[in-house]
């Protein structure tokens, strides 16, 4: 979708991988059920893992997102509008469903499962509603895809994918989201980049 030859292949590969992960999570949820898939991935891996995945979640917070986007806009000034559009659209595609379309979709701890089955981490505040899609996952995969867009190298795909997957999985591990929510966050990231690219192209041609 309006991508230059310089970045088309790595960016396309990153999108295919992301969509494959989302499809796998959607499929598992459909066949096994939302709760069953969550419990299979939410097991306690120990105190070191508790601390590690807490940090992974922090790595997808807004205080990471905004400075990084500002850095990209500084390095790639001609793509500043694309970066701004992506930031705004990703935020809208995440928050509108969570707050207005499906505001009552429950988080794991409010879903009716036995609390003793759910692994949680002391000190982590657990939410009960606004589960779909996962905002942290949308942020992480947006950063991953946008980074591949600007730095189309195989090692960037590997490093960025590891970052995005760890951030996404951390939401399950900490008991904050279902795998289905993670899949939704991935789709938000892919869609927001395409819409941003289309919007920049359309507005440029209309001027």
N, C-alpha and C. Protein backbone atom coordinates (compact mmCIF):
# COMPACT_ATOMS: atom_id res chain seq x y z
N UNK A 1 0.84 -1.19 0.00
CA UNK A 1 0.00 0.00 0.00
C UNK A 1 0.88 1.24 0.00
N UNK A 2 1.18 1.72 -1.20
CA UNK A 2 1.96 2.94 -1.37
C UNK A 2 3.34 2.86 -0.70
N UNK A 3 3.97 1.71 -0.71
CA UNK A 3 5.28 1.58 -0.07
C UNK A 3 6.36 1.63 -1.12
N UNK A 4 7.46 2.26 -0.80
CA UNK A 4 8.57 2.33 -1.74
C UNK A 4 9.24 0.98 -1.85
N UNK A 5 9.93 0.76 -2.96
CA UNK A 5 10.61 -0.52 -3.17
C UNK A 5 11.67 -0.77 -2.12
N UNK A 6 12.21 0.31 -1.57
CA UNK A 6 13.30 0.18 -0.60
C UNK A 6 12.85 -0.56 0.66
N UNK A 7 11.60 -0.39 1.05
CA UNK A 7 11.15 -0.96 2.31
C UNK A 7 10.05 -1.99 2.16
N UNK A 8 9.61 -2.24 0.94
CA UNK A 8 8.41 -3.05 0.76
C UNK A 8 8.57 -4.46 1.31
N UNK A 9 9.62 -5.17 0.97
CA UNK A 9 9.75 -6.57 1.37
C UNK A 9 9.87 -6.76 2.88
N UNK A 10 10.79 -6.08 3.57
CA UNK A 10 10.87 -6.25 5.03
C UNK A 10 9.58 -5.84 5.74
N UNK A 11 8.98 -4.76 5.30
CA UNK A 11 7.75 -4.29 5.93
C UNK A 11 6.62 -5.28 5.70
N UNK A 12 6.54 -5.81 4.48
CA UNK A 12 5.52 -6.81 4.18
C UNK A 12 5.72 -8.06 5.03
N UNK A 13 6.96 -8.48 5.19
CA UNK A 13 7.25 -9.66 6.01
C UNK A 13 6.85 -9.42 7.47
N UNK A 14 7.16 -8.25 7.98
CA UNK A 14 6.79 -7.92 9.36
C UNK A 14 5.28 -7.95 9.54
N UNK A 15 4.55 -7.46 8.55
CA UNK A 15 3.10 -7.48 8.63
C UNK A 15 2.55 -8.90 8.57
N UNK A 16 3.12 -9.71 7.68
CA UNK A 16 2.66 -11.09 7.54
C UNK A 16 2.86 -11.86 8.84
N UNK A 17 4.03 -11.68 9.44
CA UNK A 17 4.31 -12.34 10.72
C UNK A 17 3.31 -11.88 11.78
N UNK A 18 3.08 -10.59 11.85
CA UNK A 18 2.15 -10.04 12.84
C UNK A 18 0.74 -10.59 12.64
N UNK A 19 0.29 -10.60 11.40
CA UNK A 19 -1.06 -11.10 11.11
C UNK A 19 -1.17 -12.59 11.38
N UNK A 20 -0.10 -13.34 11.12
CA UNK A 20 -0.10 -14.77 11.40
C UNK A 20 -0.25 -15.04 12.90
N UNK A 21 0.43 -14.24 13.70
CA UNK A 21 0.32 -14.38 15.16
C UNK A 21 -1.10 -14.06 15.61
N UNK A 22 -1.65 -12.97 15.08
CA UNK A 22 -3.02 -12.60 15.44
C UNK A 22 -4.01 -13.69 15.03
N UNK A 23 -3.84 -14.23 13.83
CA UNK A 23 -4.73 -15.29 13.35
C UNK A 23 -4.63 -16.53 14.23
N UNK A 24 -3.42 -16.87 14.64
CA UNK A 24 -3.23 -18.04 15.51
C UNK A 24 -3.95 -17.84 16.84
N UNK A 25 -3.85 -16.65 17.40
CA UNK A 25 -4.51 -16.38 18.68
C UNK A 25 -6.03 -16.36 18.54
N UNK A 26 -6.53 -15.79 17.45
CA UNK A 26 -7.97 -15.82 17.19
C UNK A 26 -8.45 -17.25 17.03
N UNK A 27 -7.70 -18.06 16.28
CA UNK A 27 -8.10 -19.44 16.02
C UNK A 27 -8.10 -20.27 17.30
N UNK A 28 -7.05 -20.13 18.10
CA UNK A 28 -6.98 -20.87 19.36
C UNK A 28 -8.14 -20.49 20.28
N UNK A 29 -8.46 -19.21 20.31
CA UNK A 29 -9.57 -18.76 21.15
C UNK A 29 -10.89 -19.33 20.66
N UNK A 30 -11.05 -19.38 19.35
CA UNK A 30 -12.29 -19.92 18.76
C UNK A 30 -12.45 -21.40 19.09
N UNK A 31 -11.36 -22.16 18.96
CA UNK A 31 -11.45 -23.61 19.15
C UNK A 31 -11.40 -24.03 20.61
N UNK A 32 -10.61 -23.36 21.41
CA UNK A 32 -10.40 -23.80 22.79
C UNK A 32 -11.19 -22.98 23.81
N UNK A 33 -11.57 -21.77 23.44
CA UNK A 33 -12.27 -20.91 24.38
C UNK A 33 -11.35 -19.87 24.98
N UNK A 34 -11.90 -18.71 25.27
CA UNK A 34 -11.11 -17.59 25.75
C UNK A 34 -10.39 -17.91 27.06
N UNK A 35 -11.10 -18.49 28.00
CA UNK A 35 -10.52 -18.76 29.31
C UNK A 35 -9.44 -19.84 29.25
N UNK A 36 -9.69 -20.89 28.48
CA UNK A 36 -8.75 -22.01 28.40
C UNK A 36 -7.42 -21.57 27.81
N UNK A 37 -7.46 -20.78 26.75
CA UNK A 37 -6.22 -20.32 26.13
C UNK A 37 -5.47 -19.39 27.07
N UNK A 38 -6.21 -18.54 27.76
CA UNK A 38 -5.57 -17.65 28.73
C UNK A 38 -4.85 -18.43 29.82
N UNK A 39 -5.53 -19.40 30.41
CA UNK A 39 -4.95 -20.16 31.52
C UNK A 39 -3.73 -20.96 31.08
N UNK A 40 -3.73 -21.41 29.83
CA UNK A 40 -2.59 -22.18 29.32
C UNK A 40 -1.33 -21.32 29.17
N UNK A 41 -1.51 -20.00 29.08
CA UNK A 41 -0.37 -19.08 28.89
C UNK A 41 -0.06 -18.24 30.12
N UNK A 42 -0.86 -18.37 31.14
CA UNK A 42 -0.76 -17.49 32.31
C UNK A 42 -0.03 -18.14 33.50
N UNK A 43 0.60 -19.27 33.28
CA UNK A 43 1.23 -19.98 34.39
C UNK A 43 2.34 -19.19 35.08
N UNK A 44 2.52 -19.47 36.36
CA UNK A 44 3.54 -18.81 37.18
C UNK A 44 4.92 -19.33 36.80
N UNK A 45 5.79 -18.44 36.34
CA UNK A 45 7.16 -18.82 35.95
C UNK A 45 8.20 -18.38 36.97
N UNK A 46 7.74 -17.89 38.12
CA UNK A 46 8.68 -17.52 39.17
C UNK A 46 8.85 -16.02 39.34
N UNK A 47 9.54 -15.64 40.40
CA UNK A 47 9.70 -14.23 40.74
C UNK A 47 10.52 -13.46 39.72
N UNK A 48 11.53 -14.12 39.15
CA UNK A 48 12.33 -13.43 38.13
C UNK A 48 11.46 -13.08 36.93
N UNK A 49 10.62 -14.02 36.52
CA UNK A 49 9.71 -13.78 35.40
C UNK A 49 8.70 -12.69 35.76
N UNK A 50 8.24 -12.69 37.01
CA UNK A 50 7.31 -11.64 37.44
C UNK A 50 7.91 -10.26 37.22
N UNK A 51 9.15 -10.09 37.65
CA UNK A 51 9.83 -8.79 37.50
C UNK A 51 10.11 -8.49 36.03
N UNK A 52 10.54 -9.50 35.29
CA UNK A 52 10.89 -9.30 33.88
C UNK A 52 9.68 -8.87 33.07
N UNK A 53 8.56 -9.56 33.24
CA UNK A 53 7.38 -9.23 32.43
C UNK A 53 6.71 -7.95 32.90
N UNK A 54 6.94 -7.57 34.14
CA UNK A 54 6.48 -6.24 34.57
C UNK A 54 7.23 -5.15 33.82
N UNK A 55 8.53 -5.36 33.63
CA UNK A 55 9.33 -4.42 32.85
C UNK A 55 8.92 -4.41 31.38
N UNK A 56 8.58 -5.58 30.87
CA UNK A 56 8.13 -5.66 29.47
C UNK A 56 6.87 -4.86 29.25
N UNK A 57 5.95 -4.94 30.20
CA UNK A 57 4.73 -4.13 30.11
C UNK A 57 5.06 -2.64 30.14
N UNK A 58 5.98 -2.25 31.03
CA UNK A 58 6.38 -0.84 31.10
C UNK A 58 6.98 -0.35 29.78
N UNK A 59 7.61 -1.26 29.03
CA UNK A 59 8.25 -0.90 27.77
C UNK A 59 7.24 -0.58 26.67
N UNK A 60 5.96 -0.80 26.93
CA UNK A 60 4.93 -0.46 25.95
C UNK A 60 4.00 0.64 26.47
N UNK A 61 4.44 1.33 27.50
CA UNK A 61 3.66 2.45 28.03
C UNK A 61 3.83 3.69 27.14
N UNK A 62 2.96 4.68 27.34
CA UNK A 62 3.01 5.90 26.55
C UNK A 62 4.30 6.67 26.69
N UNK A 63 4.95 6.56 27.85
CA UNK A 63 6.20 7.30 28.03
C UNK A 63 7.32 6.74 27.17
N UNK A 64 7.14 5.53 26.64
CA UNK A 64 8.06 4.98 25.64
C UNK A 64 7.61 5.39 24.25
N UNK A 65 6.33 5.28 24.02
CA UNK A 65 5.72 5.54 22.71
C UNK A 65 5.99 6.96 22.22
N UNK A 66 5.62 7.94 23.01
CA UNK A 66 5.69 9.33 22.55
C UNK A 66 7.12 9.80 22.28
N UNK A 67 8.08 9.62 23.19
CA UNK A 67 9.46 10.04 22.88
C UNK A 67 10.04 9.34 21.66
N UNK A 68 9.69 8.08 21.49
CA UNK A 68 10.22 7.35 20.33
C UNK A 68 9.66 7.91 19.03
N UNK A 69 8.38 8.23 19.03
CA UNK A 69 7.78 8.81 17.83
C UNK A 69 8.37 10.18 17.53
N UNK A 70 8.64 10.96 18.57
CA UNK A 70 9.28 12.26 18.37
C UNK A 70 10.67 12.08 17.77
N UNK A 71 11.40 11.07 18.25
CA UNK A 71 12.73 10.78 17.71
C UNK A 71 12.64 10.42 16.23
N UNK A 72 11.69 9.55 15.87
CA UNK A 72 11.53 9.18 14.47
C UNK A 72 11.17 10.39 13.61
N UNK A 73 10.30 11.24 14.13
CA UNK A 73 9.90 12.44 13.38
C UNK A 73 11.07 13.38 13.18
N UNK A 74 12.01 13.37 14.12
CA UNK A 74 13.21 14.20 13.99
C UNK A 74 14.17 13.62 12.96
N UNK A 75 14.30 12.31 12.97
CA UNK A 75 15.22 11.65 12.03
C UNK A 75 14.66 11.62 10.61
N UNK A 76 13.34 11.50 10.49
CA UNK A 76 12.70 11.38 9.18
C UNK A 76 11.65 12.49 9.05
N UNK A 77 12.14 13.70 8.88
CA UNK A 77 11.26 14.87 8.88
C UNK A 77 10.20 14.82 7.79
N UNK A 78 10.56 14.28 6.63
CA UNK A 78 9.58 14.24 5.53
C UNK A 78 8.43 13.28 5.82
N UNK A 79 8.62 12.40 6.79
CA UNK A 79 7.57 11.45 7.17
C UNK A 79 6.89 11.84 8.47
N UNK A 80 7.07 13.08 8.88
CA UNK A 80 6.49 13.54 10.14
C UNK A 80 4.98 13.37 10.20
N UNK A 81 4.31 13.67 9.08
CA UNK A 81 2.85 13.53 9.06
C UNK A 81 2.43 12.08 9.20
N UNK A 82 3.14 11.20 8.52
CA UNK A 82 2.83 9.78 8.62
C UNK A 82 2.93 9.31 10.08
N UNK A 83 3.97 9.74 10.76
CA UNK A 83 4.18 9.35 12.15
C UNK A 83 3.08 9.92 13.04
N UNK A 84 2.71 11.18 12.81
CA UNK A 84 1.64 11.80 13.59
C UNK A 84 0.31 11.09 13.34
N UNK A 85 -0.01 10.84 12.06
CA UNK A 85 -1.24 10.14 11.74
C UNK A 85 -1.28 8.77 12.42
N UNK A 86 -0.15 8.09 12.38
CA UNK A 86 -0.11 6.75 12.95
C UNK A 86 -0.36 6.78 14.46
N UNK A 87 0.25 7.76 15.12
CA UNK A 87 0.04 7.92 16.56
C UNK A 87 -1.44 8.16 16.88
N UNK A 88 -2.06 9.07 16.13
CA UNK A 88 -3.45 9.42 16.40
C UNK A 88 -4.40 8.27 16.06
N UNK A 89 -4.19 7.65 14.90
CA UNK A 89 -5.09 6.59 14.46
C UNK A 89 -4.98 5.36 15.35
N UNK A 90 -3.77 4.99 15.71
CA UNK A 90 -3.59 3.85 16.60
C UNK A 90 -4.28 4.09 17.94
N UNK A 91 -4.17 5.30 18.44
CA UNK A 91 -4.83 5.64 19.70
C UNK A 91 -6.34 5.54 19.57
N UNK A 92 -6.88 6.07 18.48
CA UNK A 92 -8.32 6.02 18.26
C UNK A 92 -8.82 4.60 18.08
N UNK A 93 -8.10 3.80 17.29
CA UNK A 93 -8.52 2.42 17.04
C UNK A 93 -8.44 1.56 18.29
N UNK A 94 -7.64 1.98 19.24
CA UNK A 94 -7.55 1.26 20.51
C UNK A 94 -8.62 1.73 21.49
N UNK A 95 -8.74 3.03 21.65
CA UNK A 95 -9.59 3.57 22.72
C UNK A 95 -11.08 3.56 22.38
N UNK A 96 -11.44 3.80 21.13
CA UNK A 96 -12.87 3.81 20.77
C UNK A 96 -13.52 2.46 21.03
N UNK A 97 -12.94 1.34 20.56
CA UNK A 97 -13.55 0.04 20.89
C UNK A 97 -13.59 -0.24 22.39
N UNK A 98 -12.49 0.07 23.09
CA UNK A 98 -12.41 -0.22 24.52
C UNK A 98 -13.44 0.56 25.33
N UNK A 99 -13.64 1.82 24.96
CA UNK A 99 -14.47 2.71 25.78
C UNK A 99 -15.92 2.83 25.30
N UNK A 100 -16.15 2.64 23.98
CA UNK A 100 -17.48 2.92 23.45
C UNK A 100 -18.15 1.74 22.76
N UNK A 101 -17.40 0.87 22.13
CA UNK A 101 -18.02 -0.25 21.40
C UNK A 101 -18.17 -1.47 22.29
N UNK A 102 -17.08 -1.84 22.96
CA UNK A 102 -17.12 -3.01 23.86
C UNK A 102 -16.63 -2.64 25.26
N UNK A 103 -17.25 -1.66 25.91
CA UNK A 103 -16.73 -1.21 27.21
C UNK A 103 -16.88 -2.23 28.33
N UNK A 104 -17.79 -3.18 28.16
CA UNK A 104 -18.08 -4.13 29.23
C UNK A 104 -17.40 -5.48 29.06
N UNK A 105 -16.53 -5.61 28.08
CA UNK A 105 -15.78 -6.86 27.95
C UNK A 105 -14.82 -6.96 29.13
N UNK A 106 -14.92 -8.06 29.86
CA UNK A 106 -14.18 -8.19 31.11
C UNK A 106 -12.73 -8.62 30.90
N UNK A 107 -11.91 -8.21 31.86
CA UNK A 107 -10.54 -8.70 31.95
C UNK A 107 -10.57 -10.08 32.62
N UNK A 108 -9.46 -10.81 32.61
CA UNK A 108 -9.45 -12.16 33.17
C UNK A 108 -9.95 -12.26 34.61
N UNK A 109 -9.52 -11.36 35.48
CA UNK A 109 -9.90 -11.48 36.89
C UNK A 109 -11.37 -11.16 37.14
N UNK A 110 -12.07 -10.59 36.15
CA UNK A 110 -13.49 -10.27 36.30
C UNK A 110 -14.36 -11.13 35.39
N UNK A 111 -13.78 -12.19 34.84
CA UNK A 111 -14.49 -13.00 33.84
C UNK A 111 -15.25 -14.17 34.42
N UNK A 112 -15.17 -14.36 35.72
CA UNK A 112 -15.85 -15.49 36.35
C UNK A 112 -14.98 -16.69 36.62
N UNK A 113 -13.72 -16.64 36.18
CA UNK A 113 -12.80 -17.73 36.48
C UNK A 113 -12.45 -17.73 37.96
N UNK A 114 -12.09 -18.90 38.45
CA UNK A 114 -11.63 -19.02 39.83
C UNK A 114 -10.35 -18.20 39.99
N UNK A 115 -10.34 -17.20 40.88
CA UNK A 115 -9.14 -16.37 41.06
C UNK A 115 -7.89 -17.17 41.38
N UNK A 116 -8.06 -18.33 42.01
CA UNK A 116 -6.91 -19.16 42.36
C UNK A 116 -6.24 -19.76 41.13
N UNK A 117 -6.96 -19.80 40.01
CA UNK A 117 -6.39 -20.32 38.77
C UNK A 117 -5.53 -19.29 38.04
N UNK A 118 -5.73 -18.03 38.37
CA UNK A 118 -5.08 -16.95 37.63
C UNK A 118 -3.81 -16.51 38.34
N UNK A 119 -2.71 -16.53 37.60
CA UNK A 119 -1.46 -16.03 38.16
C UNK A 119 -1.43 -14.51 38.06
N UNK A 120 -1.21 -13.87 39.18
CA UNK A 120 -1.06 -12.42 39.21
C UNK A 120 0.24 -12.08 39.92
N UNK A 121 0.68 -10.85 39.74
CA UNK A 121 1.95 -10.40 40.31
C UNK A 121 1.68 -9.35 41.38
N UNK A 122 2.17 -9.54 42.59
CA UNK A 122 1.96 -8.56 43.65
C UNK A 122 2.45 -7.17 43.24
N UNK A 123 1.64 -6.17 43.56
CA UNK A 123 2.00 -4.80 43.23
C UNK A 123 1.46 -4.31 41.90
N UNK A 124 0.95 -5.23 41.08
CA UNK A 124 0.37 -4.85 39.79
C UNK A 124 -1.13 -4.64 39.95
N UNK A 125 -1.59 -3.44 39.66
CA UNK A 125 -3.02 -3.14 39.76
C UNK A 125 -3.77 -3.83 38.63
N UNK A 126 -4.76 -4.63 38.97
CA UNK A 126 -5.52 -5.37 37.98
C UNK A 126 -6.79 -4.62 37.62
N UNK A 127 -7.07 -4.54 36.32
CA UNK A 127 -8.28 -3.88 35.84
C UNK A 127 -9.35 -4.93 35.58
N UNK A 128 -10.60 -4.48 35.48
CA UNK A 128 -11.69 -5.43 35.33
C UNK A 128 -12.43 -5.32 34.00
N UNK A 129 -12.43 -4.14 33.37
CA UNK A 129 -13.18 -3.94 32.13
C UNK A 129 -12.27 -3.36 31.04
N UNK A 130 -12.90 -3.02 29.88
CA UNK A 130 -12.18 -2.42 28.75
C UNK A 130 -11.03 -3.32 28.29
N UNK A 131 -11.35 -4.58 28.06
CA UNK A 131 -10.30 -5.56 27.79
C UNK A 131 -9.83 -5.58 26.34
N UNK A 132 -10.77 -5.36 25.40
CA UNK A 132 -10.44 -5.55 23.98
C UNK A 132 -10.46 -4.23 23.23
N UNK A 133 -9.39 -3.94 22.46
CA UNK A 133 -8.12 -4.68 22.31
C UNK A 133 -7.10 -4.24 23.36
N UNK A 134 -5.98 -4.92 23.39
CA UNK A 134 -4.90 -4.57 24.31
C UNK A 134 -4.14 -3.35 23.81
N UNK A 135 -4.19 -2.27 24.58
CA UNK A 135 -3.50 -1.05 24.18
C UNK A 135 -1.99 -1.19 24.20
N UNK A 136 -1.47 -1.90 25.20
CA UNK A 136 -0.02 -2.11 25.27
C UNK A 136 0.48 -2.89 24.06
N UNK A 137 -0.30 -3.90 23.66
CA UNK A 137 0.10 -4.70 22.50
C UNK A 137 0.03 -3.87 21.22
N UNK A 138 -1.00 -3.05 21.10
CA UNK A 138 -1.10 -2.17 19.94
C UNK A 138 0.10 -1.24 19.86
N UNK A 139 0.50 -0.70 21.01
CA UNK A 139 1.67 0.17 21.05
C UNK A 139 2.93 -0.57 20.64
N UNK A 140 3.14 -1.75 21.22
CA UNK A 140 4.36 -2.51 20.96
C UNK A 140 4.47 -2.91 19.50
N UNK A 141 3.39 -3.40 18.91
CA UNK A 141 3.44 -3.82 17.52
C UNK A 141 3.48 -2.63 16.57
N UNK A 142 2.90 -1.51 16.95
CA UNK A 142 3.04 -0.30 16.14
C UNK A 142 4.49 0.15 16.10
N UNK A 143 5.14 0.15 17.26
CA UNK A 143 6.56 0.51 17.31
C UNK A 143 7.37 -0.47 16.47
N UNK A 144 7.07 -1.75 16.58
CA UNK A 144 7.77 -2.77 15.79
C UNK A 144 7.61 -2.52 14.30
N UNK A 145 6.39 -2.36 13.84
CA UNK A 145 6.14 -2.20 12.40
C UNK A 145 6.69 -0.88 11.88
N UNK A 146 6.52 0.18 12.65
CA UNK A 146 7.03 1.48 12.20
C UNK A 146 8.55 1.48 12.14
N UNK A 147 9.18 0.78 13.07
CA UNK A 147 10.64 0.69 13.05
C UNK A 147 11.12 -0.07 11.83
N UNK A 148 10.44 -1.16 11.49
CA UNK A 148 10.79 -1.90 10.27
C UNK A 148 10.55 -1.05 9.03
N UNK A 149 9.51 -0.24 9.07
CA UNK A 149 9.22 0.66 7.95
C UNK A 149 10.40 1.58 7.66
N UNK A 150 10.98 2.14 8.72
CA UNK A 150 12.08 3.10 8.55
C UNK A 150 13.46 2.44 8.52
N UNK A 151 13.59 1.28 9.12
CA UNK A 151 14.87 0.57 9.15
C UNK A 151 14.66 -0.86 8.66
N UNK A 152 14.52 -1.03 7.34
CA UNK A 152 14.15 -2.33 6.76
C UNK A 152 15.32 -3.33 6.71
N UNK A 153 15.64 -3.88 7.84
CA UNK A 153 16.73 -4.84 7.93
C UNK A 153 16.25 -6.09 8.66
N UNK A 154 16.75 -7.27 8.28
CA UNK A 154 16.34 -8.51 8.94
C UNK A 154 16.54 -8.49 10.45
N UNK A 155 17.65 -7.94 10.91
CA UNK A 155 17.90 -7.93 12.35
C UNK A 155 16.91 -7.04 13.09
N UNK A 156 16.42 -6.00 12.42
CA UNK A 156 15.41 -5.13 13.03
C UNK A 156 14.10 -5.90 13.18
N UNK A 157 13.77 -6.73 12.18
CA UNK A 157 12.57 -7.55 12.29
C UNK A 157 12.67 -8.49 13.49
N UNK A 158 13.81 -9.13 13.65
CA UNK A 158 13.99 -10.09 14.75
C UNK A 158 13.91 -9.39 16.11
N UNK A 159 14.69 -8.31 16.25
CA UNK A 159 14.71 -7.59 17.53
C UNK A 159 13.34 -6.98 17.83
N UNK A 160 12.76 -6.34 16.82
CA UNK A 160 11.46 -5.69 17.02
C UNK A 160 10.36 -6.68 17.33
N UNK A 161 10.39 -7.84 16.67
CA UNK A 161 9.37 -8.85 16.92
C UNK A 161 9.50 -9.41 18.34
N UNK A 162 10.72 -9.64 18.78
CA UNK A 162 10.94 -10.11 20.15
C UNK A 162 10.39 -9.10 21.16
N UNK A 163 10.68 -7.83 20.91
CA UNK A 163 10.16 -6.77 21.79
C UNK A 163 8.64 -6.79 21.83
N UNK A 164 8.01 -6.83 20.65
CA UNK A 164 6.55 -6.77 20.58
C UNK A 164 5.91 -8.00 21.22
N UNK A 165 6.47 -9.17 20.96
CA UNK A 165 5.92 -10.40 21.53
C UNK A 165 6.04 -10.42 23.05
N UNK A 166 7.18 -9.99 23.56
CA UNK A 166 7.36 -9.97 25.01
C UNK A 166 6.39 -9.00 25.67
N UNK A 167 6.21 -7.84 25.05
CA UNK A 167 5.25 -6.86 25.59
C UNK A 167 3.84 -7.43 25.56
N UNK A 168 3.47 -8.05 24.45
CA UNK A 168 2.14 -8.63 24.33
C UNK A 168 1.92 -9.76 25.32
N UNK A 169 2.89 -10.68 25.40
CA UNK A 169 2.75 -11.81 26.32
C UNK A 169 2.71 -11.35 27.77
N UNK A 170 3.42 -10.27 28.08
CA UNK A 170 3.43 -9.78 29.45
C UNK A 170 2.03 -9.42 29.94
N UNK A 171 1.18 -8.99 29.02
CA UNK A 171 -0.19 -8.63 29.41
C UNK A 171 -0.98 -9.87 29.83
N UNK A 172 -0.68 -11.00 29.20
CA UNK A 172 -1.31 -12.27 29.59
C UNK A 172 -0.70 -12.76 30.90
N UNK A 173 0.62 -12.73 30.98
CA UNK A 173 1.32 -13.23 32.16
C UNK A 173 0.91 -12.48 33.42
N UNK A 174 0.71 -11.18 33.31
CA UNK A 174 0.35 -10.36 34.47
C UNK A 174 -1.14 -10.44 34.80
N UNK A 175 -1.90 -11.19 34.01
CA UNK A 175 -3.32 -11.35 34.26
C UNK A 175 -4.18 -10.19 33.83
N UNK A 176 -3.66 -9.37 32.93
CA UNK A 176 -4.37 -8.16 32.51
C UNK A 176 -5.22 -8.36 31.26
N UNK A 177 -4.85 -9.31 30.41
CA UNK A 177 -5.55 -9.47 29.13
C UNK A 177 -5.63 -10.93 28.71
N UNK A 178 -6.64 -11.20 27.89
CA UNK A 178 -6.76 -12.50 27.23
C UNK A 178 -5.93 -12.50 25.95
N UNK A 179 -5.54 -13.68 25.47
CA UNK A 179 -4.85 -13.75 24.17
C UNK A 179 -5.66 -13.10 23.04
N UNK A 180 -6.98 -13.19 23.13
CA UNK A 180 -7.84 -12.55 22.14
C UNK A 180 -7.60 -11.05 22.09
N UNK A 181 -7.38 -10.44 23.24
CA UNK A 181 -7.10 -9.00 23.30
C UNK A 181 -5.77 -8.66 22.65
N UNK A 182 -4.81 -9.58 22.82
CA UNK A 182 -3.49 -9.39 22.20
C UNK A 182 -3.63 -9.40 20.69
N UNK A 183 -4.42 -10.36 20.18
CA UNK A 183 -4.67 -10.42 18.73
C UNK A 183 -5.30 -9.13 18.23
N UNK A 184 -6.24 -8.60 18.99
CA UNK A 184 -6.87 -7.34 18.61
C UNK A 184 -5.88 -6.19 18.57
N UNK A 185 -4.98 -6.15 19.53
CA UNK A 185 -3.95 -5.11 19.54
C UNK A 185 -3.03 -5.18 18.33
N UNK A 186 -2.71 -6.40 17.92
CA UNK A 186 -1.87 -6.58 16.73
C UNK A 186 -2.59 -6.05 15.49
N UNK A 187 -3.86 -6.37 15.37
CA UNK A 187 -4.63 -5.89 14.21
C UNK A 187 -4.71 -4.36 14.20
N UNK A 188 -4.84 -3.76 15.37
CA UNK A 188 -4.85 -2.30 15.46
C UNK A 188 -3.55 -1.73 14.89
N UNK A 189 -2.43 -2.33 15.26
CA UNK A 189 -1.12 -1.84 14.80
C UNK A 189 -1.00 -1.92 13.28
N UNK A 190 -1.39 -3.06 12.72
CA UNK A 190 -1.31 -3.23 11.26
C UNK A 190 -2.25 -2.26 10.56
N UNK A 191 -3.48 -2.18 11.03
CA UNK A 191 -4.47 -1.32 10.39
C UNK A 191 -4.09 0.15 10.48
N UNK A 192 -3.58 0.58 11.62
CA UNK A 192 -3.26 2.00 11.80
C UNK A 192 -2.16 2.46 10.86
N UNK A 193 -1.18 1.60 10.61
CA UNK A 193 -0.11 1.97 9.68
C UNK A 193 -0.63 2.07 8.25
N UNK A 194 -1.50 1.15 7.86
CA UNK A 194 -2.06 1.21 6.51
C UNK A 194 -2.95 2.44 6.34
N UNK A 195 -3.78 2.70 7.32
CA UNK A 195 -4.66 3.87 7.24
C UNK A 195 -3.83 5.16 7.22
N UNK A 196 -2.78 5.20 8.01
CA UNK A 196 -1.92 6.39 8.05
C UNK A 196 -1.25 6.63 6.71
N UNK A 197 -0.77 5.55 6.10
CA UNK A 197 -0.13 5.66 4.79
C UNK A 197 -1.12 6.12 3.72
N UNK A 198 -2.32 5.54 3.78
CA UNK A 198 -3.37 5.93 2.82
C UNK A 198 -3.77 7.39 3.03
N UNK A 199 -3.90 7.81 4.30
CA UNK A 199 -4.31 9.17 4.60
C UNK A 199 -3.27 10.17 4.12
N UNK A 200 -2.01 9.89 4.36
CA UNK A 200 -0.96 10.80 3.89
C UNK A 200 -0.98 10.90 2.37
N UNK A 201 -1.12 9.78 1.70
CA UNK A 201 -1.15 9.77 0.24
C UNK A 201 -2.36 10.55 -0.29
N UNK A 202 -3.52 10.34 0.33
CA UNK A 202 -4.75 11.00 -0.13
C UNK A 202 -4.69 12.51 0.08
N UNK A 203 -4.22 12.93 1.25
CA UNK A 203 -4.15 14.36 1.53
C UNK A 203 -3.11 15.05 0.66
N UNK A 204 -2.02 14.34 0.38
CA UNK A 204 -0.97 14.91 -0.48
C UNK A 204 -1.51 15.14 -1.88
N UNK A 205 -2.30 14.19 -2.39
CA UNK A 205 -2.83 14.30 -3.75
C UNK A 205 -3.95 15.33 -3.85
N UNK A 206 -4.61 15.62 -2.72
CA UNK A 206 -5.73 16.56 -2.75
C UNK A 206 -5.28 18.01 -2.66
N UNK A 207 -4.01 18.20 -2.28
CA UNK A 207 -3.50 19.58 -2.15
C UNK A 207 -3.06 20.13 -3.50
